[in-house]
C-alpha atoms as a PDB file:
ATOM      1  CA  UNK A   1      -2.701 -16.755  32.443  1.00  0.00           C
ATOM      2  CA  UNK A   2       0.086 -19.356  32.121  1.00  0.00           C
ATOM      3  CA  UNK A   3       3.553 -18.328  30.983  1.00  0.00           C
ATOM      4  CA  UNK A   4       4.201 -18.529  27.238  1.00  0.00           C
ATOM      5  CA  UNK A   5       0.499 -18.341  26.346  1.00  0.00           C
ATOM      6  CA  UNK A   6       0.223 -17.402  22.662  1.00  0.00           C
ATOM      7  CA  UNK A   7      -1.062 -13.974  21.743  1.00  0.00           C
ATOM      8  CA  UNK A   8      -4.574 -13.666  20.369  1.00  0.00           C
ATOM      9  CA  UNK A   9      -5.822 -11.723  17.328  1.00  0.00           C
ATOM     10  CA  UNK A  10      -7.459  -8.704  19.043  1.00  0.00           C
ATOM     11  CA  UNK A  11      -5.775  -5.348  19.714  1.00  0.00           C
ATOM     12  CA  UNK A  12      -7.552  -3.048  22.196  1.00  0.00           C
ATOM     13  CA  UNK A  13      -7.184   0.524  23.436  1.00  0.00           C
ATOM     14  CA  UNK A  14      -7.009   1.970  26.952  1.00  0.00           C
ATOM     15  CA  UNK A  15      -8.973   4.806  28.524  1.00  0.00           C
ATOM     16  CA  UNK A  16      -6.312   6.443  30.666  1.00  0.00           C
ATOM     17  CA  UNK A  17      -2.694   6.950  31.651  1.00  0.00           C
ATOM     18  CA  UNK A  18      -2.327   3.742  33.656  1.00  0.00           C
ATOM     19  CA  UNK A  19      -3.838   0.274  33.854  1.00  0.00           C
ATOM     20  CA  UNK A  20      -6.852  -0.252  36.078  1.00  0.00           C
ATOM     21  CA  UNK A  21      -8.312  -3.575  37.238  1.00  0.00           C
ATOM     22  CA  UNK A  22     -10.673  -3.789  34.255  1.00  0.00           C
ATOM     23  CA  UNK A  23      -7.775  -3.219  31.828  1.00  0.00           C
ATOM     24  CA  UNK A  24      -5.729  -5.942  33.454  1.00  0.00           C
ATOM     25  CA  UNK A  25      -8.603  -8.391  33.272  1.00  0.00           C
ATOM     26  CA  UNK A  26      -9.397  -7.923  29.590  1.00  0.00           C
ATOM     27  CA  UNK A  27      -5.752  -7.695  28.476  1.00  0.00           C
ATOM     28  CA  UNK A  28      -4.979 -11.091  29.964  1.00  0.00           C
ATOM     29  CA  UNK A  29      -7.745 -12.784  27.994  1.00  0.00           C
ATOM     30  CA  UNK A  30      -6.263 -15.306  25.505  1.00  0.00           C
ATOM     31  CA  UNK A  31      -8.037 -13.625  22.574  1.00  0.00           C
ATOM     32  CA  UNK A  32      -6.101 -10.385  23.138  1.00  0.00           C
ATOM     33  CA  UNK A  33      -2.703  -9.908  21.553  1.00  0.00           C
ATOM     34  CA  UNK A  34      -1.996  -6.210  21.614  1.00  0.00           C
ATOM     35  CA  UNK A  35      -2.676  -2.690  22.853  1.00  0.00           C
ATOM     36  CA  UNK A  36      -2.871   0.495  20.780  1.00  0.00           C
ATOM     37  CA  UNK A  37      -2.044   3.735  22.566  1.00  0.00           C
ATOM     38  CA  UNK A  38      -3.490   7.175  21.817  1.00  0.00           C
ATOM     39  CA  UNK A  39      -2.794  10.752  22.844  1.00  0.00           C
ATOM     40  CA  UNK A  40      -5.017  10.267  25.909  1.00  0.00           C
ATOM     41  CA  UNK A  41      -2.593   7.596  27.146  1.00  0.00           C
ATOM     42  CA  UNK A  42       0.410   9.935  27.158  1.00  0.00           C
ATOM     43  CA  UNK A  43       1.372  12.592  29.707  1.00  0.00           C
ATOM     44  CA  UNK A  44       5.163  12.320  29.795  1.00  0.00           C
ATOM     45  CA  UNK A  45       7.937   9.976  28.760  1.00  0.00           C
ATOM     46  CA  UNK A  46       8.300   8.674  32.323  1.00  0.00           C
ATOM     47  CA  UNK A  47       4.570   7.927  32.521  1.00  0.00           C
ATOM     48  CA  UNK A  48       4.756   6.166  29.138  1.00  0.00           C
ATOM     49  CA  UNK A  49       7.703   4.106  30.363  1.00  0.00           C
ATOM     50  CA  UNK A  50       5.674   2.927  33.352  1.00  0.00           C
ATOM     51  CA  UNK A  51       2.581   2.203  31.278  1.00  0.00           C
ATOM     52  CA  UNK A  52       4.409   0.128  28.677  1.00  0.00           C
ATOM     53  CA  UNK A  53       6.323  -1.730  31.403  1.00  0.00           C
ATOM     54  CA  UNK A  54       3.059  -2.569  33.162  1.00  0.00           C
ATOM     55  CA  UNK A  55       1.524  -3.794  29.898  1.00  0.00           C
ATOM     56  CA  UNK A  56       4.543  -5.975  29.173  1.00  0.00           C
ATOM     57  CA  UNK A  57       4.415  -7.489  32.656  1.00  0.00           C
ATOM     58  CA  UNK A  58       0.893  -8.803  32.105  1.00  0.00           C
ATOM     59  CA  UNK A  59       1.750 -11.590  29.679  1.00  0.00           C
ATOM     60  CA  UNK A  60       4.502 -13.886  28.475  1.00  0.00           C
ATOM     61  CA  UNK A  61       5.224 -13.352  25.673  1.00  0.00           C
ATOM     62  CA  UNK A  62       4.295  -9.686  26.178  1.00  0.00           C
ATOM     63  CA  UNK A  63       1.447  -8.032  24.342  1.00  0.00           C
ATOM     64  CA  UNK A  64       2.315  -6.037  21.245  1.00  0.00           C
ATOM     65  CA  UNK A  65       2.213  -2.303  21.972  1.00  0.00           C
ATOM     66  CA  UNK A  66       1.333  -0.080  19.015  1.00  0.00           C
ATOM     67  CA  UNK A  67       0.572   3.545  18.223  1.00  0.00           C
ATOM     68  CA  UNK A  68      -0.294   5.753  15.250  1.00  0.00           C
ATOM     69  CA  UNK A  69       2.894   7.814  15.167  1.00  0.00           C
ATOM     70  CA  UNK A  70       3.429   9.026  11.597  1.00  0.00           C
ATOM     71  CA  UNK A  71       4.575  12.609  12.003  1.00  0.00           C
ATOM     72  CA  UNK A  72       2.758  15.847  11.233  1.00  0.00           C
ATOM     73  CA  UNK A  73      -0.836  15.860  12.431  1.00  0.00           C
ATOM     74  CA  UNK A  74      -0.746  12.167  13.374  1.00  0.00           C
ATOM     75  CA  UNK A  75       1.818  11.982  16.168  1.00  0.00           C
ATOM     76  CA  UNK A  76       0.325  10.782  19.454  1.00  0.00           C
ATOM     77  CA  UNK A  77       3.386  11.424  21.628  1.00  0.00           C
ATOM     78  CA  UNK A  78       4.906  14.888  21.475  1.00  0.00           C
ATOM     79  CA  UNK A  79       6.517  16.274  24.636  1.00  0.00           C
ATOM     80  CA  UNK A  80       9.919  14.627  24.928  1.00  0.00           C
ATOM     81  CA  UNK A  81       9.698  13.259  21.389  1.00  0.00           C
ATOM     82  CA  UNK A  82      11.100  14.753  18.208  1.00  0.00           C
ATOM     83  CA  UNK A  83       8.383  16.588  16.293  1.00  0.00           C
ATOM     84  CA  UNK A  84       8.367  14.661  13.053  1.00  0.00           C
ATOM     85  CA  UNK A  85       7.306  16.471   9.879  1.00  0.00           C
ATOM     86  CA  UNK A  86       4.300  15.469   7.787  1.00  0.00           C
ATOM     87  CA  UNK A  87       5.531  13.111   5.114  1.00  0.00           C
ATOM     88  CA  UNK A  88       4.610  15.690   2.483  1.00  0.00           C
ATOM     89  CA  UNK A  89       7.557  17.774   3.716  1.00  0.00           C
ATOM     90  CA  UNK A  90       9.825  14.987   2.488  1.00  0.00           C
ATOM     91  CA  UNK A  91       7.928  14.942  -0.792  1.00  0.00           C
ATOM     92  CA  UNK A  92       8.637  18.632  -1.316  1.00  0.00           C
ATOM     93  CA  UNK A  93      12.342  18.031  -0.811  1.00  0.00           C
ATOM     94  CA  UNK A  94      12.111  15.061  -3.206  1.00  0.00           C
ATOM     95  CA  UNK A  95      10.903  17.331  -6.000  1.00  0.00           C
ATOM     96  CA  UNK A  96      14.122  19.347  -5.939  1.00  0.00           C
ATOM     97  CA  UNK A  97      16.613  16.754  -4.637  1.00  0.00           C
ATOM     98  CA  UNK A  98      15.467  13.122  -4.596  1.00  0.00           C
ATOM     99  CA  UNK A  99      18.666  11.760  -3.030  1.00  0.00           C
ATOM    100  CA  UNK A 100      18.518  14.249  -0.167  1.00  0.00           C
ATOM    101  CA  UNK A 101      14.841  13.464   0.418  1.00  0.00           C
ATOM    102  CA  UNK A 102      15.564   9.737   0.610  1.00  0.00           C
ATOM    103  CA  UNK A 103      18.359  10.344   3.115  1.00  0.00           C
ATOM    104  CA  UNK A 104      16.045  12.505   5.220  1.00  0.00           C
ATOM    105  CA  UNK A 105      13.330   9.852   5.071  1.00  0.00           C
ATOM    106  CA  UNK A 106      15.815   7.308   6.378  1.00  0.00           C
ATOM    107  CA  UNK A 107      16.728   9.662   9.228  1.00  0.00           C
ATOM    108  CA  UNK A 108      13.047  10.100  10.088  1.00  0.00           C
ATOM    109  CA  UNK A 109      12.691   6.333  10.231  1.00  0.00           C
ATOM    110  CA  UNK A 110      15.670   5.995  12.579  1.00  0.00           C
ATOM    111  CA  UNK A 111      14.437   8.693  14.953  1.00  0.00           C
ATOM    112  CA  UNK A 112      10.840   7.477  14.883  1.00  0.00           C
ATOM    113  CA  UNK A 113      11.746   3.866  15.655  1.00  0.00           C
ATOM    114  CA  UNK A 114      14.421   4.592  18.235  1.00  0.00           C
ATOM    115  CA  UNK A 115      12.235   6.945  20.273  1.00  0.00           C
ATOM    116  CA  UNK A 116       9.294   4.557  20.301  1.00  0.00           C
ATOM    117  CA  UNK A 117      11.461   1.543  21.171  1.00  0.00           C
ATOM    118  CA  UNK A 118      13.146   3.535  23.923  1.00  0.00           C
ATOM    119  CA  UNK A 119       9.787   3.996  25.636  1.00  0.00           C
ATOM    120  CA  UNK A 120       8.555   0.443  25.217  1.00  0.00           C
ATOM    121  CA  UNK A 121       6.442   0.727  22.050  1.00  0.00           C
ATOM    122  CA  UNK A 122       6.869  -2.121  19.556  1.00  0.00           C
ATOM    123  CA  UNK A 123       5.409  -0.659  16.395  1.00  0.00           C
ATOM    124  CA  UNK A 124       3.735   2.269  14.734  1.00  0.00           C
ATOM    125  CA  UNK A 125       1.132   2.012  12.013  1.00  0.00           C
ATOM    126  CA  UNK A 126       3.332   3.770   9.490  1.00  0.00           C
ATOM    127  CA  UNK A 127       4.206   4.649   6.832  1.00  0.00           C
ATOM    128  CA  UNK A 128       1.171   5.932   4.962  1.00  0.00           C
ATOM    129  CA  UNK A 129       1.807   4.883   1.359  1.00  0.00           C
ATOM    130  CA  UNK A 130      -1.385   6.311  -0.110  1.00  0.00           C
ATOM    131  CA  UNK A 131      -0.857   8.459  -3.175  1.00  0.00           C
ATOM    132  CA  UNK A 132      -2.136  12.012  -2.972  1.00  0.00           C
ATOM    133  CA  UNK A 133      -4.549  12.309  -5.877  1.00  0.00           C
ATOM    134  CA  UNK A 134      -5.760  15.647  -4.502  1.00  0.00           C
ATOM    135  CA  UNK A 135      -9.104  14.224  -3.360  1.00  0.00           C
ATOM    136  CA  UNK A 136      -8.710  13.028   0.228  1.00  0.00           C
ATOM    137  CA  UNK A 137      -8.486  15.559   3.046  1.00  0.00           C
ATOM    138  CA  UNK A 138      -8.046  12.810   5.639  1.00  0.00           C
ATOM    139  CA  UNK A 139      -4.880  11.704   3.830  1.00  0.00           C
ATOM    140  CA  UNK A 140      -3.632  15.044   2.464  1.00  0.00           C
ATOM    141  CA  UNK A 141      -0.122  15.834   3.712  1.00  0.00           C
ATOM    142  CA  UNK A 142       0.149  12.426   5.350  1.00  0.00           C
ATOM    143  CA  UNK A 143       1.027  11.182   1.854  1.00  0.00           C
ATOM    144  CA  UNK A 144       4.649  11.456   0.748  1.00  0.00           C
ATOM    145  CA  UNK A 145       3.883  12.517  -2.810  1.00  0.00           C
ATOM    146  CA  UNK A 146       1.403  12.597  -5.671  1.00  0.00           C
ATOM    147  CA  UNK A 147       3.266  10.015  -7.771  1.00  0.00           C
ATOM    148  CA  UNK A 148       3.593   6.275  -7.113  1.00  0.00           C
ATOM    149  CA  UNK A 149       7.335   6.467  -7.713  1.00  0.00           C
ATOM    150  CA  UNK A 150       7.833   9.265  -5.196  1.00  0.00           C
ATOM    151  CA  UNK A 151       5.788   7.484  -2.562  1.00  0.00           C
ATOM    152  CA  UNK A 152       7.609   4.192  -3.170  1.00  0.00           C
ATOM    153  CA  UNK A 153      11.102   5.663  -2.945  1.00  0.00           C
ATOM    154  CA  UNK A 154      10.496   7.775   0.145  1.00  0.00           C
ATOM    155  CA  UNK A 155       8.529   5.089   1.958  1.00  0.00           C
ATOM    156  CA  UNK A 156      11.237   2.544   1.240  1.00  0.00           C
ATOM    157  CA  UNK A 157      13.873   4.844   2.700  1.00  0.00           C
ATOM    158  CA  UNK A 158      11.809   5.478   5.828  1.00  0.00           C
ATOM    159  CA  UNK A 159      11.199   1.733   6.260  1.00  0.00           C
ATOM    160  CA  UNK A 160      14.917   1.035   5.898  1.00  0.00           C
ATOM    161  CA  UNK A 161      15.617   3.615   8.594  1.00  0.00           C
ATOM    162  CA  UNK A 162      13.114   1.952  10.912  1.00  0.00           C
ATOM    163  CA  UNK A 163      14.682  -1.395  10.103  1.00  0.00           C
ATOM    164  CA  UNK A 164      18.123  -0.218  11.170  1.00  0.00           C
ATOM    165  CA  UNK A 165      16.680   0.120  14.664  1.00  0.00           C
ATOM    166  CA  UNK A 166      14.892  -3.221  14.382  1.00  0.00           C
ATOM    167  CA  UNK A 167      11.333  -1.962  13.994  1.00  0.00           C
ATOM    168  CA  UNK A 168       9.021  -3.550  11.450  1.00  0.00           C
ATOM    169  CA  UNK A 169       6.921  -1.130   9.408  1.00  0.00           C
ATOM    170  CA  UNK A 170       3.162  -1.318   8.708  1.00  0.00           C
ATOM    171  CA  UNK A 171       2.191   0.172   5.349  1.00  0.00           C
ATOM    172  CA  UNK A 172      -1.322   1.599   5.027  1.00  0.00           C
ATOM    173  CA  UNK A 173      -4.051   1.917   3.770  1.00  0.00           C
ATOM    174  CA  UNK A 174      -4.001  -1.022   1.352  1.00  0.00           C
ATOM    175  CA  UNK A 175      -4.583  -0.845  -1.560  1.00  0.00           C
ATOM    176  CA  UNK A 176      -4.928   2.960  -1.356  1.00  0.00           C
ATOM    177  CA  UNK A 177      -7.124   5.595   0.309  1.00  0.00           C
ATOM    178  CA  UNK A 178      -5.897   8.625  -1.612  1.00  0.00           C
ATOM    179  CA  UNK A 179      -8.320   8.581  -4.532  1.00  0.00           C
ATOM    180  CA  UNK A 180     -11.601   8.807  -2.584  1.00  0.00           C
ATOM    181  CA  UNK A 181     -12.901  12.007  -1.023  1.00  0.00           C
ATOM    182  CA  UNK A 182     -14.932  10.428   1.795  1.00  0.00           C
ATOM    183  CA  UNK A 183     -13.261   9.820   5.171  1.00  0.00           C
ATOM    184  CA  UNK A 184     -13.656   6.196   6.292  1.00  0.00           C
ATOM    185  CA  UNK A 185     -13.756   7.327   9.937  1.00  0.00           C
ATOM    186  CA  UNK A 186     -17.230   8.750   9.315  1.00  0.00           C
ATOM    187  CA  UNK A 187     -18.377   7.311   5.961  1.00  0.00           C
ATOM    188  CA  UNK A 188     -18.117   4.270   3.696  1.00  0.00           C
ATOM    189  CA  UNK A 189     -15.926   5.432   0.801  1.00  0.00           C
ATOM    190  CA  UNK A 190     -16.319   3.821  -2.627  1.00  0.00           C
ATOM    191  CA  UNK A 191     -13.523   3.844  -5.216  1.00  0.00           C
ATOM    192  CA  UNK A 192     -14.873   3.049  -8.688  1.00  0.00           C
ATOM    193  CA  UNK A 193     -11.559   2.654 -10.505  1.00  0.00           C
ATOM    194  CA  UNK A 194     -10.692  -0.473 -12.458  1.00  0.00           C
ATOM    195  CA  UNK A 195      -8.226  -2.911 -10.898  1.00  0.00           C
ATOM    196  CA  UNK A 196      -5.685  -2.216 -13.649  1.00  0.00           C
ATOM    197  CA  UNK A 197      -5.562   1.476 -12.703  1.00  0.00           C
ATOM    198  CA  UNK A 198      -5.137   0.668  -9.004  1.00  0.00           C
ATOM    199  CA  UNK A 199      -2.389  -1.845  -9.832  1.00  0.00           C
ATOM    200  CA  UNK A 200      -0.519   0.660 -11.970  1.00  0.00           C
ATOM    201  CA  UNK A 201      -0.577   3.355  -9.294  1.00  0.00           C
ATOM    202  CA  UNK A 202      -1.523   2.495  -5.721  1.00  0.00           C
ATOM    203  CA  UNK A 203       0.087  -0.939  -5.601  1.00  0.00           C
ATOM    204  CA  UNK A 204       3.528   0.205  -6.754  1.00  0.00           C
ATOM    205  CA  UNK A 205       4.675   1.235  -3.244  1.00  0.00           C
ATOM    206  CA  UNK A 206       3.469  -2.108  -1.860  1.00  0.00           C
ATOM    207  CA  UNK A 207       5.428  -4.039  -4.466  1.00  0.00           C
ATOM    208  CA  UNK A 208       8.545  -2.069  -3.562  1.00  0.00           C
ATOM    209  CA  UNK A 209       8.149  -2.515   0.195  1.00  0.00           C
ATOM    210  CA  UNK A 210       7.128  -6.173   0.061  1.00  0.00           C
ATOM    211  CA  UNK A 211      10.255  -6.919  -1.967  1.00  0.00           C
ATOM    212  CA  UNK A 212      12.199  -5.332   0.913  1.00  0.00           C
ATOM    213  CA  UNK A 213      10.541  -7.630   3.518  1.00  0.00           C
ATOM    214  CA  UNK A 214       7.720  -5.370   4.735  1.00  0.00           C
ATOM    215  CA  UNK A 215       6.514  -6.559   8.163  1.00  0.00           C
ATOM    216  CA  UNK A 216       2.879  -5.406   8.200  1.00  0.00           C
ATOM    217  CA  UNK A 217      -0.006  -4.043   6.147  1.00  0.00           C
ATOM    218  CA  UNK A 218      -3.209  -2.285   7.208  1.00  0.00           C
ATOM    219  CA  UNK A 219      -6.065  -2.385   4.662  1.00  0.00           C
ATOM    220  CA  UNK A 220      -8.454   0.483   4.014  1.00  0.00           C
ATOM    221  CA  UNK A 221     -12.129   0.590   4.959  1.00  0.00           C
ATOM    222  CA  UNK A 222     -12.820   1.469   1.315  1.00  0.00           C
ATOM    223  CA  UNK A 223     -14.954  -0.443  -1.173  1.00  0.00           C
ATOM    224  CA  UNK A 224     -13.253  -0.869  -4.561  1.00  0.00           C
ATOM    225  CA  UNK A 225     -16.442  -1.596  -6.449  1.00  0.00           C
ATOM    226  CA  UNK A 226     -14.852  -2.963  -9.648  1.00  0.00           C
ATOM    227  CA  UNK A 227     -12.918  -5.544  -7.603  1.00  0.00           C
ATOM    228  CA  UNK A 228     -15.189  -6.577  -4.701  1.00  0.00           C
ATOM    229  CA  UNK A 229     -18.385  -5.395  -3.027  1.00  0.00           C
ATOM    230  CA  UNK A 230     -16.729  -5.502   0.412  1.00  0.00           C
ATOM    231  CA  UNK A 231     -14.236  -3.022   1.868  1.00  0.00           C
ATOM    232  CA  UNK A 232     -10.643  -4.175   1.418  1.00  0.00           C
ATOM    233  CA  UNK A 233     -10.274  -5.114   5.087  1.00  0.00           C
ATOM    234  CA  UNK A 234     -13.132  -7.611   4.755  1.00  0.00           C
ATOM    235  CA  UNK A 235     -12.217  -8.854   1.291  1.00  0.00           C
ATOM    236  CA  UNK A 236     -10.456 -12.151   0.684  1.00  0.00           C
ATOM    237  CA  UNK A 237      -9.997 -10.956  -2.895  1.00  0.00           C
ATOM    238  CA  UNK A 238      -7.803  -8.102  -1.717  1.00  0.00           C
ATOM    239  CA  UNK A 239      -6.128  -9.758   1.252  1.00  0.00           C
ATOM    240  CA  UNK A 240      -5.614 -13.303   0.045  1.00  0.00           C
ATOM    241  CA  UNK A 241      -5.784 -13.312  -3.741  1.00  0.00           C
ATOM    242  CA  UNK A 242      -4.021  -9.984  -4.372  1.00  0.00           C
ATOM    243  CA  UNK A 243      -1.959  -9.065  -1.283  1.00  0.00           C
ATOM    244  CA  UNK A 244      -0.737 -12.536  -0.325  1.00  0.00           C
ATOM    245  CA  UNK A 245      -1.107 -14.321  -3.663  1.00  0.00           C
ATOM    246  CA  UNK A 246      -0.238 -11.808  -6.352  1.00  0.00           C
ATOM    247  CA  UNK A 247       2.075  -9.528  -4.342  1.00  0.00           C
ATOM    248  CA  UNK A 248       3.619 -12.269  -2.199  1.00  0.00           C
ATOM    249  CA  UNK A 249       3.170 -10.557   1.176  1.00  0.00           C
ATOM    250  CA  UNK A 250       3.869 -12.857   4.140  1.00  0.00           C
ATOM    251  CA  UNK A 251       3.782 -10.473   7.108  1.00  0.00           C
ATOM    252  CA  UNK A 252       1.005  -9.491   9.529  1.00  0.00           C
ATOM    253  CA  UNK A 253      -2.232  -7.912   8.306  1.00  0.00           C
ATOM    254  CA  UNK A 254      -3.807  -5.550  10.849  1.00  0.00           C
ATOM    255  CA  UNK A 255      -7.362  -4.362  10.338  1.00  0.00           C
ATOM    256  CA  UNK A 256      -7.970  -0.652  10.652  1.00  0.00           C
ATOM    257  CA  UNK A 257     -10.106   0.265  13.670  1.00  0.00           C
ATOM    258  CA  UNK A 258     -13.305  -1.735  13.388  1.00  0.00           C
ATOM    259  CA  UNK A 259     -15.209   0.991  15.232  1.00  0.00           C
ATOM    260  CA  UNK A 260     -14.865   3.278  12.205  1.00  0.00           C
ATOM    261  CA  UNK A 261     -17.925   3.975  10.058  1.00  0.00           C
ATOM    262  CA  UNK A 262     -16.181   2.481   7.043  1.00  0.00           C
ATOM    263  CA  UNK A 263     -16.384  -0.921   8.765  1.00  0.00           C
ATOM    264  CA  UNK A 264     -20.101  -0.662   9.532  1.00  0.00           C
ATOM    265  CA  UNK A 265     -21.122  -2.577   6.410  1.00  0.00           C
ATOM    266  CA  UNK A 266     -19.897  -5.791   8.079  1.00  0.00           C
ATOM    267  CA  UNK A 267     -22.323  -5.631  11.020  1.00  0.00           C
ATOM    268  CA  UNK A 268     -21.670  -5.229  14.754  1.00  0.00           C
ATOM    269  CA  UNK A 269     -18.205  -5.428  16.316  1.00  0.00           C
ATOM    270  CA  UNK A 270     -18.303  -9.202  16.651  1.00  0.00           C
ATOM    271  CA  UNK A 271     -19.460  -9.651  13.064  1.00  0.00           C
ATOM    272  CA  UNK A 272     -16.865  -7.160  11.821  1.00  0.00           C
ATOM    273  CA  UNK A 273     -14.083  -8.987  13.652  1.00  0.00           C
ATOM    274  CA  UNK A 274     -15.117 -12.384  12.351  1.00  0.00           C
ATOM    275  CA  UNK A 275     -15.422 -11.052   8.813  1.00  0.00           C
ATOM    276  CA  UNK A 276     -12.006  -9.362   8.932  1.00  0.00           C
ATOM    277  CA  UNK A 277     -10.285 -12.467  10.294  1.00  0.00           C
ATOM    278  CA  UNK A 278     -12.050 -14.716   7.782  1.00  0.00           C
ATOM    279  CA  UNK A 279     -10.975 -12.424   4.934  1.00  0.00           C
ATOM    280  CA  UNK A 280      -7.314 -12.637   5.907  1.00  0.00           C
ATOM    281  CA  UNK A 281      -6.563 -10.163   8.697  1.00  0.00           C
ATOM    282  CA  UNK A 282      -4.269 -11.567  11.407  1.00  0.00           C
ATOM    283  CA  UNK A 283      -5.135  -8.978  14.047  1.00  0.00           C
ATOM    284  CA  UNK A 284      -8.209  -6.781  14.446  1.00  0.00           C
ATOM    285  CA  UNK A 285      -8.261  -3.379  16.149  1.00  0.00           C
ATOM    286  CA  UNK A 286     -11.266  -2.551  18.333  1.00  0.00           C
ATOM    287  CA  UNK A 287     -11.105   0.931  19.836  1.00  0.00           C
ATOM    288  CA  UNK A 288     -13.416   3.244  21.752  1.00  0.00           C
ATOM    289  CA  UNK A 289     -15.964   0.682  22.938  1.00  0.00           C
ATOM    290  CA  UNK A 290     -14.743  -1.405  25.869  1.00  0.00           C
ATOM    291  CA  UNK A 291     -18.123  -3.048  26.457  1.00  0.00           C
ATOM    292  CA  UNK A 292     -18.228  -4.328  22.881  1.00  0.00           C
ATOM    293  CA  UNK A 293     -14.567  -5.351  23.071  1.00  0.00           C
ATOM    294  CA  UNK A 294     -15.166  -7.414  26.209  1.00  0.00           C
ATOM    295  CA  UNK A 295     -18.131  -9.141  24.612  1.00  0.00           C
ATOM    296  CA  UNK A 296     -16.030  -9.855  21.536  1.00  0.00           C
ATOM    297  CA  UNK A 297     -13.076 -11.450  23.316  1.00  0.00           C
ATOM    298  CA  UNK A 298     -15.332 -13.440  25.651  1.00  0.00           C
ATOM    299  CA  UNK A 299     -16.783 -15.312  22.701  1.00  0.00           C
ATOM    300  CA  UNK A 300     -13.713 -15.505  20.468  1.00  0.00           C
ATOM    301  CA  UNK A 301     -12.077 -18.799  19.539  1.00  0.00           C
ATOM    302  CA  UNK A 302      -9.869 -17.530  16.710  1.00  0.00           C
ATOM    303  CA  UNK A 303      -6.376 -19.053  16.332  1.00  0.00           C
ATOM    304  CA  UNK A 304      -3.359 -17.290  17.892  1.00  0.00           C
ATOM    305  CA  UNK A 305      -1.046 -15.048  15.911  1.00  0.00           C
ATOM    306  CA  UNK A 306       1.629 -16.768  13.842  1.00  0.00           C
ATOM    307  CA  UNK A 307       4.934 -16.647  15.714  1.00  0.00           C
ATOM    308  CA  UNK A 308       6.932 -16.212  12.508  1.00  0.00           C
ATOM    309  CA  UNK A 309       4.986 -13.070  11.589  1.00  0.00           C
ATOM    310  CA  UNK A 310       5.154 -11.689  15.129  1.00  0.00           C
ATOM    311  CA  UNK A 311       8.932 -11.972  15.199  1.00  0.00           C
ATOM    312  CA  UNK A 312       9.320  -9.000  12.862  1.00  0.00           C
ATOM    313  CA  UNK A 313       7.787  -6.720  15.500  1.00  0.00           C
ATOM    314  CA  UNK A 314       9.947  -7.792  18.415  1.00  0.00           C
ATOM    315  CA  UNK A 315      12.919  -5.789  17.227  1.00  0.00           C
ATOM    316  CA  UNK A 316      16.540  -5.947  18.284  1.00  0.00           C
ATOM    317  CA  UNK A 317      15.542  -5.603  21.917  1.00  0.00           C
ATOM    318  CA  UNK A 318      14.458  -9.253  22.017  1.00  0.00           C
ATOM    319  CA  UNK A 319      17.763 -10.484  20.601  1.00  0.00           C
ATOM    320  CA  UNK A 320      19.818  -9.629  23.690  1.00  0.00           C
ATOM    321  CA  UNK A 321      17.123  -9.199  26.316  1.00  0.00           C
ATOM    322  CA  UNK A 322      17.629  -5.438  26.122  1.00  0.00           C
ATOM    323  CA  UNK A 323      21.244  -5.440  27.311  1.00  0.00           C
ATOM    324  CA  UNK A 324      22.964  -2.343  26.005  1.00  0.00           C
ATOM    325  CA  UNK A 325      20.095  -1.560  23.662  1.00  0.00           C
ATOM    326  CA  UNK A 326      18.471   1.280  25.592  1.00  0.00           C
ATOM    327  CA  UNK A 327      21.800   3.093  25.842  1.00  0.00           C
ATOM    328  CA  UNK A 328      22.222   2.899  22.081  1.00  0.00           C
ATOM    329  CA  UNK A 329      18.706   4.198  21.555  1.00  0.00           C
ATOM    330  CA  UNK A 330      19.283   7.111  23.917  1.00  0.00           C
ATOM    331  CA  UNK A 331      22.317   8.102  21.871  1.00  0.00           C
ATOM    332  CA  UNK A 332      20.145   8.161  18.745  1.00  0.00           C
ATOM    333  CA  UNK A 333      17.174   9.881  20.384  1.00  0.00           C
ATOM    334  CA  UNK A 334      18.618  13.177  21.482  1.00  0.00           C
ATOM    335  CA  UNK A 335      16.639  15.618  19.378  1.00  0.00           C
ATOM    336  CA  UNK A 336      13.784  15.972  21.864  1.00  0.00           C
ATOM    337  CA  UNK A 337      10.886  18.113  20.636  1.00  0.00           C
ATOM    338  CA  UNK A 338      12.980  20.363  18.425  1.00  0.00           C
ATOM    339  CA  UNK A 339      11.620  19.003  15.153  1.00  0.00           C
ATOM    340  CA  UNK A 340      13.599  16.959  12.671  1.00  0.00           C
ATOM    341  CA  UNK A 341      13.268  19.359   9.749  1.00  0.00           C
ATOM    342  CA  UNK A 342      12.965  22.535  11.814  1.00  0.00           C
END
């Protein structure tokens, strides 16, 4: 691939701890723009350093490297990383001391971003800004709080902490996954609330974060039946009319994993990807099915990612070529696996 080839709109996963020949071939396809890492891709910080360096060396500009690293039960890298609390732990502090909770959320954001940047990861799909309505087990303690105001304030503090390190945040799952009981990994959830109720509750955190220059959003594989018959990630109503039009969001929209059952209503992987991109997603995630992913990218002619939106995920590292930055991150990232709120 020639130098300075633009990044494409597909983000793929890897099977193992290092790149093999098949990985290198598919990741250099022009339709690919990023890699998402999972627990299976992590053995140690030194191994992660080598893996992310090898991924970066494949392309110019380098592929985006992402992970789901929220804290609590969704933290892919653990040994050598600070054990981050579930966001509900911050919500419990918020109930007795809101100012302290916001300060702690900012500290979590600093530690989270600095440790990921230190090991070559560009972004995490966090924070979860779903409201805990007491219905969703898959969200549960991943949610900061059971009020829109609590979620908005704590999420904003965490995002500011991430921003101090130069990492753009990705809020999920737009417009909100907390009201439905079904898990979109294995089902197609349907939320029957009116738009006005969703706007008054679930969209409050998004308004707050978008006003503070939120870098990314990931929509839910949930059908909001009173608004559109399609899940939010395939809905131009949600992504273009509401998210970009009404809320004024101008960052990157990442689909949730298109291999999830909640995306099945859009057809096979190729049809799901086309539908998500047509609805307003900038980048689609295809995980757990390399054969389908290869078929997808081989036939894809979608436009490259917008450089202006990508810039928010390049962080401070890109500003000086990395000079002096790793040393500063190491100074910030000294907690190891002790646990931030231990």
